[in-house]
Protein backbone atom coordinates (compact mmCIF):
# COMPACT_ATOMS: atom_id res chain seq x y z
CA MET A 1 64.62 38.98 2.01
CA PRO A 2 65.39 35.60 0.76
CA ILE A 3 67.08 33.01 3.16
CA PRO A 4 70.73 31.94 2.02
CA ARG A 5 71.14 28.65 1.26
CA TRP A 6 73.83 26.87 3.23
CA SER A 7 73.25 23.08 1.72
CA GLY A 8 73.08 21.72 -1.72
CA PRO A 9 75.11 20.93 -4.84
CA TRP A 10 77.77 23.97 -5.86
CA VAL A 11 79.04 23.82 -9.41
CA LEU A 12 83.33 23.92 -8.83
CA ARG A 13 84.49 23.14 -12.24
CA GLN A 14 82.96 22.50 -15.85
CA GLU A 15 85.08 20.92 -18.53
CA VAL A 16 84.77 19.60 -22.04
CA HIS A 17 87.03 16.29 -22.92
CA ASP A 18 86.96 15.93 -26.54
CA ALA A 19 87.26 12.58 -28.21
CA SER A 20 90.67 11.17 -28.49
CA PRO A 21 91.86 7.92 -29.54
CA GLY A 22 92.03 6.69 -25.89
CA SER A 23 88.64 8.28 -24.58
CA PRO A 24 85.17 9.40 -25.83
CA ARG A 25 84.03 13.01 -25.74
CA ARG A 26 82.33 13.75 -22.36
CA ARG A 27 81.07 16.78 -20.49
CA VAL A 28 82.48 16.98 -16.99
CA THR A 29 80.82 18.99 -13.86
CA LEU A 30 82.21 18.35 -10.50
CA PHE A 31 79.89 19.63 -7.63
CA LEU A 32 80.44 20.04 -4.02
CA ASN A 33 77.63 18.44 -2.46
CA ARG A 34 77.38 20.34 0.60
CA ARG A 35 78.28 24.29 1.17
CA LEU A 36 78.61 23.67 5.14
CA PRO A 37 82.06 22.23 5.13
CA PRO A 38 83.93 25.28 3.76
CA LEU A 39 81.77 27.82 5.58
CA ALA A 40 82.84 25.52 9.28
CA LEU A 41 86.29 26.07 7.73
CA GLY A 42 86.08 29.57 7.85
CA GLY A 43 84.26 29.72 10.72
CA LEU A 44 86.90 27.75 12.41
CA VAL A 45 89.72 30.11 11.04
CA LEU A 46 87.73 32.96 12.29
CA LEU A 47 87.49 31.15 16.00
CA MET A 48 90.95 30.48 16.03
CA GLY A 49 91.66 34.27 15.72
CA LEU A 50 89.44 35.10 18.39
CA LEU A 51 89.91 31.97 20.93
CA PRO A 52 93.48 30.27 19.99
CA SER A 53 93.15 26.80 21.03
CA ARG A 54 95.01 23.70 20.30
CA VAL A 55 91.69 21.88 19.81
CA TRP A 56 90.38 24.19 17.16
CA LEU A 57 93.77 24.18 15.42
CA VAL A 58 93.44 20.09 15.29
CA VAL A 59 89.70 20.32 14.00
CA LEU A 60 90.66 22.70 11.35
CA VAL A 61 93.48 21.31 10.12
CA THR A 62 91.97 17.65 10.11
CA LEU A 63 88.83 19.28 8.20
CA ALA A 64 91.17 21.40 5.75
CA LEU A 65 93.00 18.09 5.12
CA LEU A 66 89.95 16.04 4.43
CA LEU A 67 88.47 18.64 2.12
CA LEU A 68 91.74 18.36 0.37
CA LEU A 69 92.24 15.24 -0.03
CA ALA A 70 88.30 14.67 -1.34
CA TYR A 71 88.84 17.50 -3.86
CA ARG A 72 92.19 15.62 -5.34
CA TRP A 73 90.37 12.61 -5.42
CA SER A 74 87.38 14.15 -7.05
CA LEU A 75 89.19 16.03 -9.48
CA ALA A 76 91.40 13.06 -10.39
CA LEU A 77 88.33 10.84 -11.24
CA SER A 78 86.67 13.87 -13.38
CA ARG A 79 89.65 13.47 -15.80
CA GLY A 80 90.81 10.09 -15.70
CA LEU A 81 87.89 7.82 -15.45
CA TRP A 82 85.58 7.59 -18.44
CA MET A 83 83.12 4.61 -19.91
CA GLU A 84 82.99 3.26 -23.31
CA ARG A 85 80.37 1.18 -24.91
CA HIS A 86 80.50 -0.88 -28.13
CA LEU A 87 77.64 -2.38 -30.28
CA ARG A 88 78.66 -5.67 -31.84
CA SER A 89 75.96 -4.79 -34.76
CA THR A 90 73.37 -2.30 -35.86
CA TRP A 91 71.39 -4.48 -37.96
CA VAL A 92 69.22 -6.66 -35.60
CA GLN A 93 65.79 -8.08 -36.21
CA VAL A 94 62.71 -8.72 -33.67
CA GLY A 95 63.73 -11.96 -31.74
CA ASP A 96 67.64 -11.00 -32.14
CA ALA A 97 70.02 -10.86 -29.26
CA LEU A 98 71.61 -7.44 -28.61
CA GLU A 99 74.91 -7.42 -27.05
CA GLU A 100 77.33 -4.38 -25.91
CA ARG A 101 80.56 -4.64 -24.53
CA LEU A 102 81.19 -2.03 -21.64
CA ALA A 103 84.78 -0.96 -20.01
CA LEU A 104 85.29 1.48 -17.06
CA VAL A 105 88.50 2.71 -17.76
CA ASN A 106 90.57 4.41 -14.48
CA THR A 107 93.88 5.88 -15.33
CA THR A 108 94.23 7.52 -12.24
CA SER A 109 95.99 6.68 -8.70
CA PHE A 110 92.77 6.81 -7.08
CA PRO A 111 90.21 3.74 -7.13
CA ALA A 112 86.63 4.67 -7.93
CA LEU A 113 84.57 3.32 -5.10
CA TRP A 114 81.27 3.92 -6.28
CA VAL A 115 79.98 4.67 -9.99
CA GLU A 116 76.85 4.91 -11.41
CA VAL A 117 75.57 4.28 -14.84
CA ARG A 118 72.27 6.27 -16.21
CA ASP A 119 71.48 5.20 -19.80
CA PHE A 120 69.11 6.97 -21.30
CA SER A 121 68.77 4.50 -24.01
CA THR A 122 65.03 4.29 -26.00
CA LEU A 123 65.29 0.35 -27.13
CA PRO A 124 62.01 -0.81 -25.09
CA GLY A 125 63.25 -3.14 -22.21
CA TYR A 126 66.89 -2.17 -22.69
CA THR A 127 69.10 -0.52 -20.31
CA ILE A 128 73.15 -0.64 -19.30
CA SER A 129 72.30 1.54 -16.04
CA SER A 130 74.02 -0.12 -13.31
CA ALA A 131 76.56 0.31 -10.34
CA ARG A 132 80.05 -0.33 -11.06
CA ALA A 133 83.31 0.28 -9.34
CA ALA A 134 86.70 0.64 -10.89
CA ASP A 135 90.10 0.03 -8.93
CA ALA A 136 92.99 2.29 -9.55
CA GLY A 137 94.68 2.06 -12.96
CA VAL A 138 92.27 -0.69 -14.23
CA VAL A 139 90.06 -1.35 -16.93
CA THR A 140 86.78 -3.17 -15.65
CA ARG A 141 85.01 -4.85 -18.69
CA TRP A 142 81.59 -6.18 -18.82
CA ARG A 143 78.73 -7.29 -21.09
CA SER A 144 75.11 -6.23 -21.30
CA GLU A 145 72.71 -8.46 -23.15
CA GLY A 146 69.11 -7.91 -24.26
CA VAL A 147 66.38 -8.96 -26.96
CA CYS A 148 65.04 -6.61 -29.30
CA ARG A 149 61.41 -7.18 -29.02
CA ARG A 150 59.82 -4.49 -30.96
CA ARG A 151 60.73 -3.29 -34.59
CA GLY A 152 61.74 0.37 -34.77
CA GLU A 153 64.52 2.83 -34.83
CA PHE A 154 66.20 3.57 -31.45
CA THR A 155 68.91 5.02 -30.24
CA LEU A 156 71.27 3.26 -27.46
CA GLY A 157 72.52 6.44 -25.37
CA PRO A 158 72.99 9.09 -24.38
CA TRP A 159 74.15 7.85 -20.92
CA GLU A 160 75.86 9.85 -17.91
CA LEU A 161 78.43 8.43 -15.26
CA TRP A 162 78.19 9.48 -11.61
CA THR A 163 81.08 8.71 -9.20
CA GLY A 164 82.87 10.80 -6.45
CA ASP A 165 85.15 10.55 -3.25
CA PRO A 166 84.10 7.75 -0.63
CA PHE A 167 83.56 10.72 2.07
CA GLY A 168 80.43 12.10 -0.09
CA LEU A 169 81.98 15.32 -0.23
CA PHE A 170 82.19 16.16 -3.89
CA THR A 171 80.21 14.25 -6.71
CA VAL A 172 81.51 13.99 -10.26
CA ARG A 173 78.94 14.08 -13.66
CA GLN A 174 80.18 13.00 -16.53
CA VAL A 175 77.65 13.21 -20.00
CA TYR A 176 78.20 11.23 -22.69
CA ASP A 177 76.02 12.75 -25.56
CA GLN A 178 76.74 9.98 -28.42
CA ALA A 179 73.72 8.22 -29.34
CA LEU A 180 74.10 5.43 -31.59
CA THR A 181 70.83 4.47 -33.72
CA LEU A 182 69.83 1.09 -33.90
CA LEU A 183 67.56 -0.08 -36.80
CA VAL A 184 65.42 -3.12 -35.49
CA TYR A 185 64.08 -4.93 -38.34
CA PRO A 186 60.65 -6.65 -38.34
CA PRO A 187 60.32 -10.24 -38.37
CA ILE A 188 59.40 -12.44 -40.97
CA THR A 189 57.16 -15.50 -41.26
CA SER A 190 56.28 -18.26 -43.48
CA LEU A 191 52.88 -17.76 -45.38
CA PRO A 192 50.39 -19.75 -47.14
CA PRO A 193 50.75 -19.80 -51.12
CA VAL A 194 50.60 -16.75 -52.39
CA VAL A 195 48.62 -16.08 -55.60
CA LEU A 196 49.92 -13.53 -57.72
CA PRO A 197 47.81 -12.15 -60.38
CA ARG A 198 49.25 -10.89 -63.75
CA GLY A 199 49.14 -7.62 -64.87
CA GLY A 200 47.33 -6.88 -67.73
CA THR A 201 49.09 -5.21 -70.98
CA VAL A 202 47.24 -3.46 -73.84
CA GLY A 203 48.45 -4.40 -77.37
CA GLN A 204 51.96 -5.83 -77.83
CA ALA A 205 53.73 -3.93 -74.81
CA HIS A 206 57.14 -4.87 -74.24
CA THR A 207 59.50 -3.59 -71.62
CA SER A 208 62.63 -1.57 -72.40
CA ARG A 209 64.35 -3.34 -69.66
CA ARG A 210 66.30 -6.70 -69.93
CA ALA A 211 66.64 -9.63 -67.40
CA TRP A 212 69.59 -10.99 -65.87
CA GLU A 213 68.54 -14.42 -65.91
CA PRO A 214 66.71 -16.36 -68.76
CA THR A 215 62.99 -15.83 -69.34
CA VAL A 216 60.67 -17.28 -71.80
CA ASN A 217 61.03 -14.45 -73.85
CA ALA A 218 64.30 -13.81 -75.91
CA ARG A 219 63.63 -10.64 -78.14
CA SER A 220 67.21 -9.81 -79.42
CA VAL A 221 70.82 -10.96 -79.55
CA ARG A 222 74.01 -8.80 -78.85
CA PRO A 223 77.73 -9.41 -79.17
CA TYR A 224 79.58 -11.75 -76.51
CA THR A 225 81.24 -9.91 -73.66
CA PRO A 226 83.31 -11.61 -70.82
CA GLY A 227 81.34 -13.33 -68.30
CA ASP A 228 78.27 -14.41 -70.15
CA PRO A 229 77.32 -17.53 -69.53
CA MET A 230 77.77 -20.11 -72.31
CA ARG A 231 74.69 -21.54 -72.15
CA HIS A 232 73.11 -17.86 -73.56
CA ILE A 233 74.81 -18.06 -76.81
CA HIS A 234 72.61 -18.21 -79.78
CA TRP A 235 74.63 -20.66 -82.06
CA PRO A 236 72.71 -20.19 -85.38
CA GLN A 237 72.91 -16.49 -85.51
CA THR A 238 76.86 -16.94 -84.28
CA ALA A 239 77.38 -19.51 -87.21
CA HIS A 240 75.44 -17.40 -89.69
CA ARG A 241 77.31 -13.89 -88.80
CA GLY A 242 80.72 -15.63 -88.12
CA ASP A 243 80.55 -13.58 -84.63
CA LEU A 244 79.94 -14.76 -80.94
CA LEU A 245 76.49 -13.88 -80.08
CA VAL A 246 74.37 -14.45 -77.11
CA ARG A 247 70.60 -14.07 -76.05
CA GLU A 248 69.02 -10.81 -74.49
CA PHE A 249 66.04 -11.81 -72.44
CA ASP A 250 62.79 -9.72 -71.70
CA GLN A 251 61.41 -9.39 -68.35
CA GLU A 252 58.50 -11.21 -67.70
CA THR A 253 55.12 -9.70 -68.42
CA THR A 254 53.53 -10.05 -64.77
CA GLY A 255 55.62 -6.24 -64.28
CA ASP A 256 56.68 -5.31 -60.98
CA VAL A 257 55.04 -6.47 -57.83
CA TRP A 258 54.11 -3.35 -55.74
CA LEU A 259 53.38 -3.74 -52.28
CA LEU A 260 50.87 -1.15 -50.74
CA LEU A 261 50.48 -1.10 -47.18
CA ASP A 262 47.67 0.66 -45.48
CA LEU A 263 48.81 2.28 -42.15
CA HIS A 264 45.69 4.57 -41.76
CA ARG A 265 45.09 5.24 -38.40
CA ALA A 266 41.39 5.41 -38.70
CA VAL A 267 41.03 1.75 -39.56
CA GLN A 268 43.75 0.15 -36.73
CA ALA A 269 42.68 -2.09 -34.57
CA GLY A 270 44.26 -3.95 -31.65
CA HIS A 271 47.43 -3.15 -29.42
CA ASP A 272 51.00 -3.10 -29.16
CA GLU A 273 52.42 -6.02 -31.37
CA GLU A 274 48.84 -7.43 -31.55
CA ALA A 275 47.62 -4.71 -33.74
CA THR A 276 46.53 -4.66 -37.16
CA ALA A 277 49.19 -2.56 -38.50
CA GLU A 278 52.25 -4.65 -36.71
CA TYR A 279 50.58 -7.82 -38.54
CA ALA A 280 50.19 -5.60 -41.81
CA ILE A 281 54.11 -4.86 -41.52
CA ILE A 282 54.94 -8.17 -40.83
CA LEU A 283 53.06 -9.54 -43.93
CA VAL A 284 54.33 -7.07 -46.05
CA ALA A 285 58.15 -8.10 -45.06
CA SER A 286 57.46 -11.41 -45.45
CA LEU A 287 55.75 -11.13 -48.90
CA ALA A 288 58.81 -9.22 -50.01
CA ALA A 289 61.11 -12.03 -48.87
CA HIS A 290 58.79 -14.84 -50.45
CA LEU A 291 58.63 -12.68 -53.64
CA LEU A 292 62.16 -11.64 -53.86
CA ASP A 293 63.22 -15.46 -53.55
CA GLN A 294 61.24 -16.22 -56.69
CA GLY A 295 62.96 -13.99 -58.49
CA ARG A 296 60.23 -10.97 -58.93
CA ALA A 297 61.04 -7.29 -58.81
CA VAL A 298 59.51 -5.89 -55.83
CA GLY A 299 58.65 -2.42 -54.36
CA LEU A 300 57.06 -0.71 -51.54
CA TRP A 301 54.39 2.08 -51.48
CA THR A 302 52.98 3.31 -48.41
CA TYR A 303 52.51 6.28 -45.91
CA GLY A 304 53.69 6.07 -42.44
CA PRO A 305 52.88 8.91 -41.55
CA HIS A 306 55.54 10.26 -44.42
CA ARG A 307 55.56 8.52 -48.11
CA ARG A 308 57.57 5.90 -48.25
CA VAL A 309 58.25 4.61 -51.84
CA VAL A 310 60.92 2.06 -52.53
CA ARG A 311 61.30 1.39 -56.12
CA PRO A 312 61.21 -2.20 -57.34
CA ALA A 313 64.46 -4.17 -57.63
CA ARG A 314 65.68 -7.93 -58.01
CA GLY A 315 67.87 -9.83 -55.57
CA ARG A 316 68.03 -10.73 -52.07
CA GLY A 317 69.89 -7.60 -51.01
CA HIS A 318 66.95 -5.58 -51.85
CA LEU A 319 64.97 -7.20 -48.85
CA TRP A 320 67.15 -5.09 -46.57
CA ALA A 321 65.87 -2.02 -48.41
CA ILE A 322 62.55 -2.69 -47.62
CA LEU A 323 62.65 -3.87 -44.43
CA ALA A 324 65.04 -0.85 -43.54
CA ALA A 325 61.84 1.37 -44.85
CA LEU A 326 59.40 -0.63 -42.63
CA ALA A 327 61.29 -0.50 -39.49
CA PRO A 328 60.44 3.24 -38.21
CA LEU A 329 56.72 3.03 -40.03
CA ASP A 330 54.07 4.77 -37.78
CA LEU A 331 50.38 5.47 -38.33
CA SER A 332 49.47 7.38 -41.18
CA PRO A 333 46.43 10.21 -41.81
CA VAL A 334 46.35 8.78 -45.56
CA PRO A 335 43.59 6.48 -46.56
CA LEU A 336 43.96 3.51 -48.80
CA ALA A 337 42.02 5.23 -51.09
CA ALA A 338 44.16 8.05 -51.35
CA LEU A 339 47.03 5.72 -51.74
CA LEU A 340 45.61 4.15 -54.47
CA ASP A 341 44.88 7.31 -56.15
CA GLU A 342 48.42 8.38 -56.01
CA VAL A 343 49.65 4.89 -57.32
CA GLY A 344 47.40 5.42 -60.34
CA ARG A 345 48.86 8.78 -61.00
CA GLY A 346 52.50 7.02 -61.70
CA ARG A 347 51.28 5.29 -64.89
CA PRO A 348 51.06 1.43 -63.12
CA SER A 349 50.27 -0.06 -66.77
CA GLY A 350 51.49 -4.01 -66.74
CA MET A 351 52.30 -4.03 -62.52
CA THR A 352 50.92 -5.89 -59.95
CA ALA A 353 49.91 -4.74 -56.66
CA LEU A 354 49.41 -6.73 -53.62
CA ILE A 355 47.46 -4.61 -50.80
CA VAL A 356 47.99 -5.43 -47.50
CA THR A 357 44.87 -3.33 -45.18
CA PRO A 358 42.74 -3.75 -42.51
CA ASP A 359 40.20 -1.34 -44.09
CA VAL A 360 37.11 -3.41 -44.80
CA GLY A 361 34.75 -0.80 -45.39
CA GLY A 362 35.27 -0.73 -49.01
CA ASP A 363 35.85 2.60 -49.96
CA TRP A 364 39.07 1.93 -51.73
CA LEU A 365 37.14 -0.51 -54.73
CA LEU A 366 36.27 2.45 -56.93
CA PRO A 367 40.14 3.78 -57.28
CA LEU A 368 41.03 0.08 -57.19
CA ALA A 369 38.95 -0.69 -60.03
CA ARG A 370 40.23 2.39 -62.30
CA LEU A 371 43.36 0.94 -61.77
CA ARG A 372 42.63 -2.28 -63.17
CA ARG A 373 41.18 -0.85 -66.01
CA ARG A 374 44.30 0.42 -66.79
CA GLY A 375 45.92 -2.97 -67.04
CA MET A 376 47.28 -3.15 -62.64
CA GLY A 377 46.87 -6.70 -61.74
CA ALA A 378 45.69 -6.72 -57.81
CA ALA A 379 45.46 -9.08 -54.95
CA ALA A 380 44.63 -8.51 -51.39
CA TRP A 381 45.68 -9.44 -47.87
CA LEU A 382 42.87 -8.40 -45.21
CA LEU A 383 43.33 -8.04 -41.61
CA ASP A 384 40.18 -8.86 -39.92
CA PRO A 385 39.39 -6.10 -37.20
CA ALA A 386 36.92 -7.99 -35.29
CA SER A 387 39.65 -10.54 -34.45
CA PHE A 388 41.81 -7.73 -33.02
CA GLY A 389 38.76 -6.35 -30.77
CA GLY A 390 38.08 -3.69 -33.60
CA ASP A 391 34.78 -3.15 -35.67
CA GLY A 392 33.87 -4.99 -39.08
CA GLU A 393 34.54 -8.22 -40.55
CA ALA A 394 36.38 -9.17 -43.56
CA GLU A 395 34.55 -11.95 -45.22
CA PRO A 396 31.92 -9.65 -46.86
CA LEU A 397 34.56 -7.54 -48.40
CA ARG A 398 36.57 -10.64 -49.67
CA GLY A 399 33.15 -11.68 -51.47
CA LEU A 400 32.82 -8.14 -53.13
CA LEU A 401 36.61 -8.82 -53.80
CA ALA A 402 35.88 -12.29 -55.61
CA ASP A 403 32.95 -10.88 -57.90
CA GLN A 404 35.48 -8.40 -59.24
CA GLY A 405 38.07 -11.18 -59.88
CA ILE A 406 40.39 -10.35 -57.20
CA VAL A 407 42.15 -12.71 -55.24
CA SER A 408 42.09 -12.27 -51.38
CA GLN A 409 43.38 -13.72 -48.32
CA VAL A 410 42.10 -13.35 -44.61
CA ILE A 411 44.37 -13.02 -41.58
CA ARG A 412 43.18 -13.03 -38.15
CA ARG A 413 44.79 -12.40 -34.88
CA GLY A 414 47.00 -15.30 -34.14
CA ASP A 415 47.27 -16.44 -37.76
CA LEU A 416 50.83 -15.65 -38.41
CA ALA A 417 53.51 -18.21 -37.71
CA GLU A 418 56.20 -18.26 -35.75
CA PRO A 419 58.76 -15.67 -37.22
CA ARG A 420 61.97 -17.26 -38.69
CA PRO A 421 65.38 -15.83 -38.46
CA VAL A 422 67.06 -13.82 -41.15
CA LEU A 423 69.74 -11.95 -39.51
CA GLY A 424 70.63 -13.31 -36.37
CA PRO A 425 72.49 -16.55 -37.03
CA ARG A 426 74.04 -15.65 -40.06
CA ARG A 427 76.09 -13.08 -38.24
CA ARG A 428 77.95 -15.48 -36.12
CA TRP A 429 81.52 -17.48 -36.99
CA ALA A 430 81.45 -21.20 -36.46
CA PHE A 431 84.70 -22.84 -36.14
CA LYS A 432 85.68 -26.57 -35.68
CA VAL A 433 89.00 -27.97 -34.30
CA LEU A 434 90.38 -30.63 -36.21
CA GLY A 435 92.53 -33.54 -34.75
CA THR A 436 95.52 -32.02 -35.94
CA GLY A 437 94.92 -28.95 -34.01
CA ARG A 438 94.06 -26.86 -37.25
CA VAL A 439 91.31 -24.71 -37.06
CA ILE A 440 88.97 -24.32 -39.95
CA THR A 441 85.88 -22.28 -40.91
CA LEU A 442 82.59 -23.56 -40.64
CA ARG A 443 80.39 -20.00 -41.43
CA ARG A 444 81.18 -16.72 -41.46
CA PRO A 445 79.30 -14.03 -40.72
CA ALA A 446 76.83 -12.98 -43.83
CA MET A 447 77.60 -9.08 -44.94
CA VAL A 448 74.54 -7.01 -45.24
CA GLY A 449 72.79 -7.56 -48.24
CA GLU A 450 74.00 -11.23 -48.86
């Protein structure tokens, strides 16, 4: 026969408070911490019936009032106490400061003498877990700060709130299932001069797309439309035809630039931030920023572990699309040779590929040669596995690439420069107060993609 439990938590109430303009959604459970007090109360009632005494009556009334007061206190806190959290920005980069504004709202007539916050966020090195107190009818506010030290996709939340009466008889547990997704972008660093090979073309091949900015090729003219720059007007044709005509420019013959990132699990070396995979992602992010600043159309093709392709586009705003694709990447079972074969099936004539890989075995040279015969230009950034504690060196492979006319550069552990901020300072307002008392704006937070 099992022995009955006379102690331990006992669930009294379970409620769900839906989100409202004044409070977030939460699941609330009210526990009785010990079953002994109500059992003792029942025993005192029985004892009063058998052996009436003023002593038992005083003890009975005192214990009953204590239980009633503790229950009412805890019940009020379960309904009128909650916590809110607000994140200032969900667009952060490695090295950026993360700041949350937190508020503990107590709308009851009872103070919360102890409140424990338990946070289950997945961002490394960051938590809002703490112990607080909240006076009756008061909103307690504070800030939580941290530094984003690792790229990736993380969640802030869910979290729990634990409180109860000051006598320790009842406990209130509030569960907040809200979890905000936070994307931490990889850092961007300065690079040595990037040598961009020109993609080969066969015959008089031209792209059917037109460039927004002037290039060396102007194939045709078209009627002027409002907003066209005056410097694009083709005056001889305008005078000949009698209508205002502007030049249409072709894109440059180098074609699109594709960044091919190799995250094959079997060829990686190093650990954590000092790993070839992390260096490769930083390199790709930095190359994308550099090439987009030069007005190139840049795309991304990789596996990590699933296929991730970002189609080539121009403009600084396209950098965020590439960084967003790089942020959650993990190691992949797909080798570089298979990646190059897949790229080859995409008809890469005229394109240019920048390969970032720690694979110094050379198994991918044959599919690369097939791509080059189809008119693709190529360059490689080789991560030296030996400098990361792995097997193999990059210099022999660099010699083989040079024999085939492929430009390559070797990156070793510690070669990357200190990352430069791209997002952080651009998000902050800056003001100046003039001598007349007027406040002017020196800098406003940039919108995403600016």
